[in-house]
Amino acid sequence: MVEVLQAKLEQHPRLTEAIAKRGGTEWLENCTAVATTGEIPRQSPLLSETLREQVGEPDHSAGSATHRLSNITNAQAQQQWEGKGKESAFIQALSETYTNVVEKSQQTTVQTQQEKSEQTDRPLTNPLSKLEPINAAVAEHMKKDIAMAQIATQFIGKSAAPPETPSSTRNYEQAWGERANTGNYSKDDIIMVSGSGPWRGVTSERIAQTFENHYKSLLNKAIEAKSSFIVGNAQGSDQLVQNYLQEKGYKVEQTSQRYAVFNSVENALISTNTISSNTQVLHNSFIAKGITTDKG
């Protein structure tokens, strides 16, 4: 009986919610069940309506358990199901079922919260920290990009360069992996945006086309979520992105590291003060590693 009732409550969560609103187990134990031939035990108006609808009618998917409830003819068996609260086997079964469903739901909620907490607390490594520059000329500019990646939680970028042309943006997208171009953003995200510039044979027309086809839809989703952005100051994609964010009402703040911070009016998530502390740590690490770091 408990297994059948539990399957029903799990199948129809509104029944569990209705019982909870009326006092849960305490309320159930004050209900009275009266078994009659051809019907399920009668209880309070709520139980009569909801359980008759979900349990009382013959349910072939649940075997014959429902029928056994609604075809009580033996007087002794009938008395077993009748009664108020714990005096009724039916109310006992229903109370036990309700408790099981609530506990199961609570365990699931706790587990989900723990998983989310673990994901939130898990330190995010800088995806660009071990990436080699595509050439010596790019190395100096790459320091800025690594500093941006240190702060960012996600990445938006698509190279406009032909496949055979080396591209920092292409390498960045690969390095960010599952956190690149996700399309799923929140107000807690700081998104690094990178793109191609008009060099190494990449034309302004190709950059503009890539911006229209790839960047706009992702930027719009992040803007709707009120995410923050960090964007470089280079020609080409960077300027298109900066102009677009300002058109959308984002507040811009330039940093001393040759990139800009963009916050929505409602969500000033990052500031140059936050950035200064992060970039100082990075600067020291670059010196220790011997890195003297134009992307494409």
C-alpha atoms as a PDB file:
ATOM      1  CA  MET A   1       0.000   0.000   0.000  1.00  0.00           C
ATOM      2  CA  VAL A   2       2.759   2.468   0.965  1.00  0.00           C
ATOM      3  CA  GLU A   3       4.614   1.801  -2.283  1.00  0.00           C
ATOM      4  CA  VAL A   4       1.474   2.395  -4.352  1.00  0.00           C
ATOM      5  CA  LEU A   5       0.601   5.612  -2.514  1.00  0.00           C
ATOM      6  CA  GLN A   6       4.188   6.844  -2.718  1.00  0.00           C
ATOM      7  CA  ALA A   7       4.218   6.302  -6.469  1.00  0.00           C
ATOM      8  CA  LYS A   8       1.025   8.354  -6.697  1.00  0.00           C
ATOM      9  CA  LEU A   9       2.320  11.239  -4.572  1.00  0.00           C
ATOM     10  CA  GLU A  10       5.574  11.358  -6.517  1.00  0.00           C
ATOM     11  CA  GLN A  11       3.626  11.296  -9.776  1.00  0.00           C
ATOM     12  CA  HIS A  12       1.384  14.142  -8.600  1.00  0.00           C
ATOM     13  CA  PRO A  13       3.449  16.583  -6.443  1.00  0.00           C
ATOM     14  CA  ARG A  14       0.437  18.870  -5.993  1.00  0.00           C
ATOM     15  CA  LEU A  15      -1.052  16.301  -3.589  1.00  0.00           C
ATOM     16  CA  THR A  16       2.038  16.456  -1.366  1.00  0.00           C
ATOM     17  CA  GLU A  17       1.952  20.266  -1.525  1.00  0.00           C
ATOM     18  CA  ALA A  18      -1.733  20.305  -0.575  1.00  0.00           C
ATOM     19  CA  ILE A  19      -1.133  18.039   2.432  1.00  0.00           C
ATOM     20  CA  ALA A  20       1.830  20.164   3.535  1.00  0.00           C
ATOM     21  CA  LYS A  21      -0.222  23.364   3.377  1.00  0.00           C
ATOM     22  CA  ARG A  22      -2.808  21.844   5.712  1.00  0.00           C
ATOM     23  CA  GLY A  23      -0.338  20.697   8.335  1.00  0.00           C
ATOM     24  CA  GLY A  24       1.355  17.597   6.942  1.00  0.00           C
ATOM     25  CA  THR A  25       1.436  14.475   9.098  1.00  0.00           C
ATOM     26  CA  GLU A  26      -0.334  16.149  12.010  1.00  0.00           C
ATOM     27  CA  TRP A  27      -3.250  17.039   9.744  1.00  0.00           C
ATOM     28  CA  LEU A  28      -3.394  13.543   8.245  1.00  0.00           C
ATOM     29  CA  GLU A  29      -3.524  11.959  11.688  1.00  0.00           C
ATOM     30  CA  ASN A  30      -6.634  14.019  12.446  1.00  0.00           C
ATOM     31  CA  CYS A  31      -8.404  12.774   9.321  1.00  0.00           C
ATOM     32  CA  THR A  32     -10.950   9.979   9.441  1.00  0.00           C
ATOM     33  CA  ALA A  33     -11.204   7.172   6.895  1.00  0.00           C
ATOM     34  CA  VAL A  34     -14.436   5.256   6.306  1.00  0.00           C
ATOM     35  CA  ALA A  35     -14.260   2.320   3.908  1.00  0.00           C
ATOM     36  CA  THR A  36     -17.362   1.469   1.916  1.00  0.00           C
ATOM     37  CA  THR A  37     -17.938  -1.193  -0.700  1.00  0.00           C
ATOM     38  CA  GLY A  38     -16.895  -0.052  -4.148  1.00  0.00           C
ATOM     39  CA  GLU A  39     -15.260   3.170  -2.920  1.00  0.00           C
ATOM     40  CA  ILE A  40     -12.015   4.190  -1.364  1.00  0.00           C
ATOM     41  CA  PRO A  41     -11.993   5.118   2.317  1.00  0.00           C
ATOM     42  CA  ARG A  42     -13.560   8.532   2.785  1.00  0.00           C
ATOM     43  CA  GLN A  43     -11.620  11.218   4.609  1.00  0.00           C
ATOM     44  CA  SER A  44     -11.632  15.010   4.735  1.00  0.00           C
ATOM     45  CA  PRO A  45     -12.873  16.950   1.680  1.00  0.00           C
ATOM     46  CA  LEU A  46      -9.286  17.370   0.437  1.00  0.00           C
ATOM     47  CA  LEU A  47      -8.457  13.680   0.660  1.00  0.00           C
ATOM     48  CA  SER A  48     -11.813  12.693  -0.746  1.00  0.00           C
ATOM     49  CA  GLU A  49     -11.336  14.884  -3.798  1.00  0.00           C
ATOM     50  CA  THR A  50      -7.639  14.437  -4.500  1.00  0.00           C
ATOM     51  CA  LEU A  51      -7.151  10.814  -3.531  1.00  0.00           C
ATOM     52  CA  ARG A  52     -10.377   9.649  -5.122  1.00  0.00           C
ATOM     53  CA  GLU A  53      -9.147  11.295  -8.299  1.00  0.00           C
ATOM     54  CA  GLN A  54      -5.633   9.878  -8.136  1.00  0.00           C
ATOM     55  CA  VAL A  55      -6.042   6.638  -6.171  1.00  0.00           C
ATOM     56  CA  GLY A  56      -9.681   5.594  -6.017  1.00  0.00           C
ATOM     57  CA  GLU A  57     -10.325   4.912  -9.671  1.00  0.00           C
ATOM     58  CA  PRO A  58      -8.955   1.595 -10.993  1.00  0.00           C
ATOM     59  CA  ASP A  59      -5.369   2.130 -12.043  1.00  0.00           C
ATOM     60  CA  HIS A  60      -4.014  -0.755 -14.079  1.00  0.00           C
ATOM     61  CA  SER A  61      -0.492   0.711 -14.051  1.00  0.00           C
ATOM     62  CA  ALA A  62      -0.416   0.252 -10.272  1.00  0.00           C
ATOM     63  CA  GLY A  63      -1.608  -3.363 -10.327  1.00  0.00           C
ATOM     64  CA  SER A  64      -4.618  -4.338  -8.222  1.00  0.00           C
ATOM     65  CA  ALA A  65      -3.794  -2.271  -5.130  1.00  0.00           C
ATOM     66  CA  THR A  66      -6.316   0.415  -5.982  1.00  0.00           C
ATOM     67  CA  HIS A  67      -9.030  -2.156  -6.506  1.00  0.00           C
ATOM     68  CA  ARG A  68      -8.295  -3.768  -3.180  1.00  0.00           C
ATOM     69  CA  LEU A  69      -8.959  -0.414  -1.567  1.00  0.00           C
ATOM     70  CA  SER A  70     -12.238   0.063  -3.386  1.00  0.00           C
ATOM     71  CA  ASN A  71     -13.617  -3.467  -2.963  1.00  0.00           C
ATOM     72  CA  ILE A  72     -13.541  -4.046   0.757  1.00  0.00           C
ATOM     73  CA  THR A  73     -16.285  -6.510   1.591  1.00  0.00           C
ATOM     74  CA  ASN A  74     -14.932  -8.392   4.565  1.00  0.00           C
ATOM     75  CA  ALA A  75     -16.125  -6.640   7.743  1.00  0.00           C
ATOM     76  CA  GLN A  76     -12.884  -7.245   9.640  1.00  0.00           C
ATOM     77  CA  ALA A  77     -10.782  -5.929   6.763  1.00  0.00           C
ATOM     78  CA  GLN A  78     -13.090  -2.939   6.460  1.00  0.00           C
ATOM     79  CA  GLN A  79     -12.583  -2.076  10.110  1.00  0.00           C
ATOM     80  CA  GLN A  80      -8.819  -2.244   9.606  1.00  0.00           C
ATOM     81  CA  TRP A  81      -8.942   0.544   7.027  1.00  0.00           C
ATOM     82  CA  GLU A  82     -11.502   2.642   8.869  1.00  0.00           C
ATOM     83  CA  GLY A  83     -10.874   4.940  11.790  1.00  0.00           C
ATOM     84  CA  LYS A  84      -9.379   8.277  12.738  1.00  0.00           C
ATOM     85  CA  GLY A  85      -5.693   8.935  12.370  1.00  0.00           C
ATOM     86  CA  LYS A  86      -3.439   6.093  13.441  1.00  0.00           C
ATOM     87  CA  GLU A  87      -6.484   3.902  14.150  1.00  0.00           C
ATOM     88  CA  SER A  88      -6.880   3.579  10.376  1.00  0.00           C
ATOM     89  CA  ALA A  89      -4.419   1.428   8.440  1.00  0.00           C
ATOM     90  CA  PHE A  90      -5.116   3.616   5.427  1.00  0.00           C
ATOM     91  CA  ILE A  91      -4.237   6.842   7.281  1.00  0.00           C
ATOM     92  CA  GLN A  92      -1.146   5.154   8.718  1.00  0.00           C
ATOM     93  CA  ALA A  93      -0.037   4.158   5.231  1.00  0.00           C
ATOM     94  CA  LEU A  94      -0.771   7.616   3.878  1.00  0.00           C
ATOM     95  CA  SER A  95       1.150   9.311   6.713  1.00  0.00           C
ATOM     96  CA  GLU A  96       4.129   7.031   6.197  1.00  0.00           C
ATOM     97  CA  THR A  97       3.979   7.689   2.462  1.00  0.00           C
ATOM     98  CA  TYR A  98       3.847  11.450   2.940  1.00  0.00           C
ATOM     99  CA  THR A  99       6.840  11.333   5.316  1.00  0.00           C
ATOM    100  CA  ASN A 100       8.845   9.228   2.842  1.00  0.00           C
ATOM    101  CA  VAL A 101       8.126  11.575  -0.042  1.00  0.00           C
ATOM    102  CA  VAL A 102       9.028  14.689   1.976  1.00  0.00           C
ATOM    103  CA  GLU A 103      12.281  13.172   3.254  1.00  0.00           C
ATOM    104  CA  LYS A 104      13.231  12.036  -0.242  1.00  0.00           C
ATOM    105  CA  SER A 105      12.543  15.509  -1.593  1.00  0.00           C
ATOM    106  CA  GLN A 106      14.625  17.126   1.148  1.00  0.00           C
ATOM    107  CA  GLN A 107      17.540  14.774   0.497  1.00  0.00           C
ATOM    108  CA  THR A 108      17.414  15.600  -3.198  1.00  0.00           C
ATOM    109  CA  THR A 109      17.355  19.329  -2.434  1.00  0.00           C
ATOM    110  CA  VAL A 110      20.330  19.089  -0.063  1.00  0.00           C
ATOM    111  CA  GLN A 111      22.295  17.030  -2.574  1.00  0.00           C
ATOM    112  CA  THR A 112      21.584  19.544  -5.324  1.00  0.00           C
ATOM    113  CA  GLN A 113      22.634  22.439  -3.096  1.00  0.00           C
ATOM    114  CA  GLN A 114      25.846  20.638  -2.151  1.00  0.00           C
ATOM    115  CA  GLU A 115      26.669  19.994  -5.799  1.00  0.00           C
ATOM    116  CA  LYS A 116      26.060  23.648  -6.658  1.00  0.00           C
ATOM    117  CA  SER A 117      28.164  24.747  -3.691  1.00  0.00           C
ATOM    118  CA  GLU A 118      31.020  22.483  -4.732  1.00  0.00           C
ATOM    119  CA  GLN A 119      30.885  23.876  -8.245  1.00  0.00           C
ATOM    120  CA  THR A 120      30.837  27.442  -6.916  1.00  0.00           C
ATOM    121  CA  ASP A 121      33.636  26.870  -4.420  1.00  0.00           C
ATOM    122  CA  ARG A 122      35.829  25.011  -6.896  1.00  0.00           C
ATOM    123  CA  PRO A 123      38.660  27.374  -7.844  1.00  0.00           C
ATOM    124  CA  LEU A 124      38.709  28.256 -11.529  1.00  0.00           C
ATOM    125  CA  THR A 125      42.175  28.017 -13.052  1.00  0.00           C
ATOM    126  CA  ASN A 126      43.263  30.610 -15.579  1.00  0.00           C
ATOM    127  CA  PRO A 127      42.741  28.897 -18.963  1.00  0.00           C
ATOM    128  CA  LEU A 128      45.383  31.051 -20.654  1.00  0.00           C
ATOM    129  CA  SER A 129      48.125  30.766 -18.038  1.00  0.00           C
ATOM    130  CA  LYS A 130      49.998  28.000 -19.869  1.00  0.00           C
ATOM    131  CA  LEU A 131      49.125  29.045 -23.412  1.00  0.00           C
ATOM    132  CA  GLU A 132      52.044  29.963 -25.670  1.00  0.00           C
ATOM    133  CA  PRO A 133      51.795  33.115 -27.826  1.00  0.00           C
ATOM    134  CA  ILE A 134      51.491  32.495 -31.562  1.00  0.00           C
ATOM    135  CA  ASN A 135      54.581  34.656 -32.175  1.00  0.00           C
ATOM    136  CA  ALA A 136      56.957  37.006 -30.386  1.00  0.00           C
ATOM    137  CA  ALA A 137      55.050  40.128 -31.409  1.00  0.00           C
ATOM    138  CA  VAL A 138      51.892  38.835 -29.726  1.00  0.00           C
ATOM    139  CA  ALA A 139      53.594  37.962 -26.449  1.00  0.00           C
ATOM    140  CA  GLU A 140      53.507  41.483 -25.030  1.00  0.00           C
ATOM    141  CA  HIS A 141      49.796  41.906 -25.781  1.00  0.00           C
ATOM    142  CA  MET A 142      49.064  38.478 -24.344  1.00  0.00           C
ATOM    143  CA  LYS A 143      49.837  39.709 -20.824  1.00  0.00           C
ATOM    144  CA  LYS A 144      46.655  41.776 -20.973  1.00  0.00           C
ATOM    145  CA  ASP A 145      44.618  38.800 -22.182  1.00  0.00           C
ATOM    146  CA  ILE A 146      45.928  36.541 -19.427  1.00  0.00           C
ATOM    147  CA  ALA A 147      45.062  39.225 -16.867  1.00  0.00           C
ATOM    148  CA  MET A 148      41.529  39.386 -18.271  1.00  0.00           C
ATOM    149  CA  ALA A 149      41.185  35.603 -18.133  1.00  0.00           C
ATOM    150  CA  GLN A 150      42.231  35.651 -14.483  1.00  0.00           C
ATOM    151  CA  ILE A 151      39.127  37.670 -13.616  1.00  0.00           C
ATOM    152  CA  ALA A 152      36.640  36.226 -16.109  1.00  0.00           C
ATOM    153  CA  THR A 153      34.239  33.349 -15.514  1.00  0.00           C
ATOM    154  CA  GLN A 154      33.342  32.792 -19.176  1.00  0.00           C
ATOM    155  CA  PHE A 155      34.617  33.612 -22.657  1.00  0.00           C
ATOM    156  CA  ILE A 156      33.026  34.915 -25.845  1.00  0.00           C
ATOM    157  CA  GLY A 157      35.155  34.893 -28.984  1.00  0.00           C
ATOM    158  CA  LYS A 158      35.380  33.562 -32.518  1.00  0.00           C
ATOM    159  CA  SER A 159      38.333  34.050 -34.834  1.00  0.00           C
ATOM    160  CA  ALA A 160      37.673  35.820 -38.131  1.00  0.00           C
ATOM    161  CA  ALA A 161      40.952  34.519 -39.533  1.00  0.00           C
ATOM    162  CA  PRO A 162      41.012  31.756 -42.152  1.00  0.00           C
ATOM    163  CA  PRO A 163      41.687  28.270 -40.715  1.00  0.00           C
ATOM    164  CA  GLU A 164      45.251  28.225 -42.038  1.00  0.00           C
ATOM    165  CA  THR A 165      46.102  31.570 -40.375  1.00  0.00           C
ATOM    166  CA  PRO A 166      47.396  31.428 -36.763  1.00  0.00           C
ATOM    167  CA  SER A 167      44.949  33.099 -34.380  1.00  0.00           C
ATOM    168  CA  SER A 168      45.165  33.926 -30.692  1.00  0.00           C
ATOM    169  CA  THR A 169      41.359  34.148 -30.465  1.00  0.00           C
ATOM    170  CA  ARG A 170      41.028  30.629 -31.874  1.00  0.00           C
ATOM    171  CA  ASN A 171      43.550  29.383 -29.335  1.00  0.00           C
ATOM    172  CA  TYR A 172      41.711  31.197 -26.535  1.00  0.00           C
ATOM    173  CA  GLU A 173      38.391  29.630 -27.494  1.00  0.00           C
ATOM    174  CA  GLN A 174      39.972  26.171 -27.388  1.00  0.00           C
ATOM    175  CA  ALA A 175      41.708  26.906 -24.086  1.00  0.00           C
ATOM    176  CA  TRP A 176      38.457  28.038 -22.439  1.00  0.00           C
ATOM    177  CA  GLY A 177      36.818  24.779 -23.497  1.00  0.00           C
ATOM    178  CA  GLU A 178      33.326  24.296 -22.026  1.00  0.00           C
ATOM    179  CA  ARG A 179      33.307  27.872 -20.725  1.00  0.00           C
ATOM    180  CA  ALA A 180      33.623  29.366 -24.206  1.00  0.00           C
ATOM    181  CA  ASN A 181      30.563  30.662 -26.073  1.00  0.00           C
ATOM    182  CA  THR A 182      28.118  28.852 -23.807  1.00  0.00           C
ATOM    183  CA  GLY A 183      25.071  31.058 -24.371  1.00  0.00           C
ATOM    184  CA  ASN A 184      24.153  30.524 -20.691  1.00  0.00           C
ATOM    185  CA  TYR A 185      24.930  33.525 -18.501  1.00  0.00           C
ATOM    186  CA  SER A 186      23.979  35.061 -15.174  1.00  0.00           C
ATOM    187  CA  LYS A 187      24.424  38.357 -13.340  1.00  0.00           C
ATOM    188  CA  ASP A 188      27.375  36.778 -11.538  1.00  0.00           C
ATOM    189  CA  ASP A 189      29.332  36.179 -14.741  1.00  0.00           C
ATOM    190  CA  ILE A 190      32.296  38.277 -15.819  1.00  0.00           C
ATOM    191  CA  ILE A 191      32.753  37.546 -19.494  1.00  0.00           C
ATOM    192  CA  MET A 192      36.015  38.022 -21.319  1.00  0.00           C
ATOM    193  CA  VAL A 193      35.355  39.011 -24.941  1.00  0.00           C
ATOM    194  CA  SER A 194      38.116  38.620 -27.504  1.00  0.00           C
ATOM    195  CA  GLY A 195      38.260  38.744 -31.280  1.00  0.00           C
ATOM    196  CA  SER A 196      40.299  39.282 -34.397  1.00  0.00           C
ATOM    197  CA  GLY A 197      41.922  42.525 -35.484  1.00  0.00           C
ATOM    198  CA  PRO A 198      42.661  43.755 -39.019  1.00  0.00           C
ATOM    199  CA  TRP A 199      46.061  42.114 -39.404  1.00  0.00           C
ATOM    200  CA  ARG A 200      47.613  38.954 -40.858  1.00  0.00           C
ATOM    201  CA  GLY A 201      45.289  39.202 -43.853  1.00  0.00           C
ATOM    202  CA  VAL A 202      42.012  39.498 -41.883  1.00  0.00           C
ATOM    203  CA  THR A 203      39.823  42.178 -43.446  1.00  0.00           C
ATOM    204  CA  SER A 204      37.499  44.605 -41.666  1.00  0.00           C
ATOM    205  CA  GLU A 205      34.605  43.182 -43.691  1.00  0.00           C
ATOM    206  CA  ARG A 206      35.306  39.671 -42.407  1.00  0.00           C
ATOM    207  CA  ILE A 207      35.566  40.953 -38.830  1.00  0.00           C
ATOM    208  CA  ALA A 208      32.219  42.767 -39.152  1.00  0.00           C
ATOM    209  CA  GLN A 209      30.576  39.657 -40.610  1.00  0.00           C
ATOM    210  CA  THR A 210      31.892  37.487 -37.768  1.00  0.00           C
ATOM    211  CA  PHE A 211      30.598  40.008 -35.246  1.00  0.00           C
ATOM    212  CA  GLU A 212      27.116  39.942 -36.785  1.00  0.00           C
ATOM    213  CA  ASN A 213      26.961  36.162 -37.154  1.00  0.00           C
ATOM    214  CA  HIS A 214      28.582  35.074 -33.910  1.00  0.00           C
ATOM    215  CA  TYR A 215      29.011  37.782 -31.282  1.00  0.00           C
ATOM    216  CA  LYS A 216      25.684  39.609 -31.273  1.00  0.00           C
ATOM    217  CA  SER A 217      23.459  36.696 -30.233  1.00  0.00           C
ATOM    218  CA  LEU A 218      25.792  35.707 -27.368  1.00  0.00           C
ATOM    219  CA  LEU A 219      26.249  39.294 -26.227  1.00  0.00           C
ATOM    220  CA  ASN A 220      22.483  39.816 -26.203  1.00  0.00           C
ATOM    221  CA  LYS A 221      21.969  36.776 -23.966  1.00  0.00           C
ATOM    222  CA  ALA A 222      24.626  37.993 -21.547  1.00  0.00           C
ATOM    223  CA  ILE A 223      23.218  41.535 -21.604  1.00  0.00           C
ATOM    224  CA  GLU A 224      19.760  40.162 -20.807  1.00  0.00           C
ATOM    225  CA  ALA A 225      21.289  38.319 -17.831  1.00  0.00           C
ATOM    226  CA  LYS A 226      23.048  41.557 -16.751  1.00  0.00           C
ATOM    227  CA  SER A 227      26.472  39.940 -16.892  1.00  0.00           C
ATOM    228  CA  SER A 228      29.614  42.077 -16.770  1.00  0.00           C
ATOM    229  CA  PHE A 229      32.258  42.181 -19.508  1.00  0.00           C
ATOM    230  CA  ILE A 230      35.970  42.799 -19.889  1.00  0.00           C
ATOM    231  CA  VAL A 231      37.091  43.748 -23.396  1.00  0.00           C
ATOM    232  CA  GLY A 232      40.426  44.738 -24.930  1.00  0.00           C
ATOM    233  CA  ASN A 233      41.054  48.063 -26.665  1.00  0.00           C
ATOM    234  CA  ALA A 234      42.457  46.728 -29.944  1.00  0.00           C
ATOM    235  CA  GLN A 235      41.147  47.603 -33.379  1.00  0.00           C
ATOM    236  CA  GLY A 236      38.585  45.354 -35.028  1.00  0.00           C
ATOM    237  CA  SER A 237      36.424  43.041 -32.900  1.00  0.00           C
ATOM    238  CA  ASP A 238      37.277  44.707 -29.596  1.00  0.00           C
ATOM    239  CA  GLN A 239      36.027  48.081 -30.813  1.00  0.00           C
ATOM    240  CA  LEU A 240      32.847  46.587 -32.285  1.00  0.00           C
ATOM    241  CA  VAL A 241      32.081  44.882 -28.967  1.00  0.00           C
ATOM    242  CA  GLN A 242      32.821  48.002 -26.905  1.00  0.00           C
ATOM    243  CA  ASN A 243      30.601  50.166 -29.121  1.00  0.00           C
ATOM    244  CA  TYR A 244      27.787  47.613 -28.969  1.00  0.00           C
ATOM    245  CA  LEU A 245      27.855  47.365 -25.164  1.00  0.00           C
ATOM    246  CA  GLN A 246      27.764  51.139 -24.815  1.00  0.00           C
ATOM    247  CA  GLU A 247      24.809  51.294 -27.216  1.00  0.00           C
ATOM    248  CA  LYS A 248      23.058  48.833 -24.893  1.00  0.00           C
ATOM    249  CA  GLY A 249      23.518  51.171 -21.923  1.00  0.00           C
ATOM    250  CA  TYR A 250      26.527  49.536 -20.281  1.00  0.00           C
ATOM    251  CA  LYS A 251      28.833  51.707 -18.204  1.00  0.00           C
ATOM    252  CA  VAL A 252      32.458  51.613 -19.336  1.00  0.00           C
ATOM    253  CA  GLU A 253      35.544  52.035 -17.172  1.00  0.00           C
ATOM    254  CA  GLN A 254      39.015  51.938 -18.672  1.00  0.00           C
ATOM    255  CA  THR A 255      41.843  50.215 -16.797  1.00  0.00           C
ATOM    256  CA  SER A 256      45.559  50.822 -16.859  1.00  0.00           C
ATOM    257  CA  GLN A 257      46.059  47.352 -18.389  1.00  0.00           C
ATOM    258  CA  ARG A 258      44.737  48.318 -21.855  1.00  0.00           C
ATOM    259  CA  TYR A 259      41.284  46.833 -21.537  1.00  0.00           C
ATOM    260  CA  ALA A 260      37.892  48.108 -20.438  1.00  0.00           C
ATOM    261  CA  VAL A 261      35.341  46.974 -17.855  1.00  0.00           C
ATOM    262  CA  PHE A 262      31.639  47.049 -18.716  1.00  0.00           C
ATOM    263  CA  ASN A 263      28.917  46.815 -16.062  1.00  0.00           C
ATOM    264  CA  SER A 264      25.175  47.061 -16.447  1.00  0.00           C
ATOM    265  CA  VAL A 265      23.481  49.922 -14.613  1.00  0.00           C
ATOM    266  CA  GLU A 266      21.775  47.420 -12.278  1.00  0.00           C
ATOM    267  CA  ASN A 267      24.836  45.263 -11.602  1.00  0.00           C
ATOM    268  CA  ALA A 268      28.235  46.849 -11.000  1.00  0.00           C
ATOM    269  CA  LEU A 269      30.033  43.536 -10.490  1.00  0.00           C
ATOM    270  CA  ILE A 270      33.643  44.556 -11.110  1.00  0.00           C
ATOM    271  CA  SER A 271      35.693  47.706 -10.669  1.00  0.00           C
ATOM    272  CA  THR A 272      39.214  48.864 -11.426  1.00  0.00           C
ATOM    273  CA  ASN A 273      40.066  48.374  -7.733  1.00  0.00           C
ATOM    274  CA  THR A 274      39.279  44.674  -8.025  1.00  0.00           C
ATOM    275  CA  ILE A 275      41.279  44.456 -11.217  1.00  0.00           C
ATOM    276  CA  SER A 276      44.350  46.197  -9.768  1.00  0.00           C
ATOM    277  CA  SER A 277      44.782  43.601  -7.034  1.00  0.00           C
ATOM    278  CA  ASN A 278      44.452  40.725  -9.511  1.00  0.00           C
ATOM    279  CA  THR A 279      46.769  42.173 -12.130  1.00  0.00           C
ATOM    280  CA  GLN A 280      49.483  42.960  -9.569  1.00  0.00           C
ATOM    281  CA  VAL A 281      49.602  39.286  -8.604  1.00  0.00           C
ATOM    282  CA  LEU A 282      49.706  38.312 -12.260  1.00  0.00           C
ATOM    283  CA  HIS A 283      52.448  40.848 -13.020  1.00  0.00           C
ATOM    284  CA  ASN A 284      54.628  39.314 -10.337  1.00  0.00           C
ATOM    285  CA  SER A 285      54.008  35.819 -11.694  1.00  0.00           C
ATOM    286  CA  PHE A 286      54.943  36.936 -15.214  1.00  0.00           C
ATOM    287  CA  ILE A 287      58.242  38.293 -13.939  1.00  0.00           C
ATOM    288  CA  ALA A 288      58.930  35.016 -12.140  1.00  0.00           C
ATOM    289  CA  LYS A 289      58.182  33.034 -15.320  1.00  0.00           C
ATOM    290  CA  GLY A 290      60.195  35.376 -17.532  1.00  0.00           C
ATOM    291  CA  ILE A 291      57.240  36.258 -19.801  1.00  0.00           C
ATOM    292  CA  THR A 292      57.461  39.564 -21.678  1.00  0.00           C
ATOM    293  CA  THR A 293      54.022  39.160 -23.062  1.00  0.00           C
ATOM    294  CA  ASP A 294      48.222  41.853 -31.320  1.00  0.00           C
ATOM    295  CA  LYS A 295      46.146  38.879 -31.264  1.00  0.00           C
ATOM    296  CA  GLY A 296      44.215  37.561 -34.263  1.00  0.00           C
END
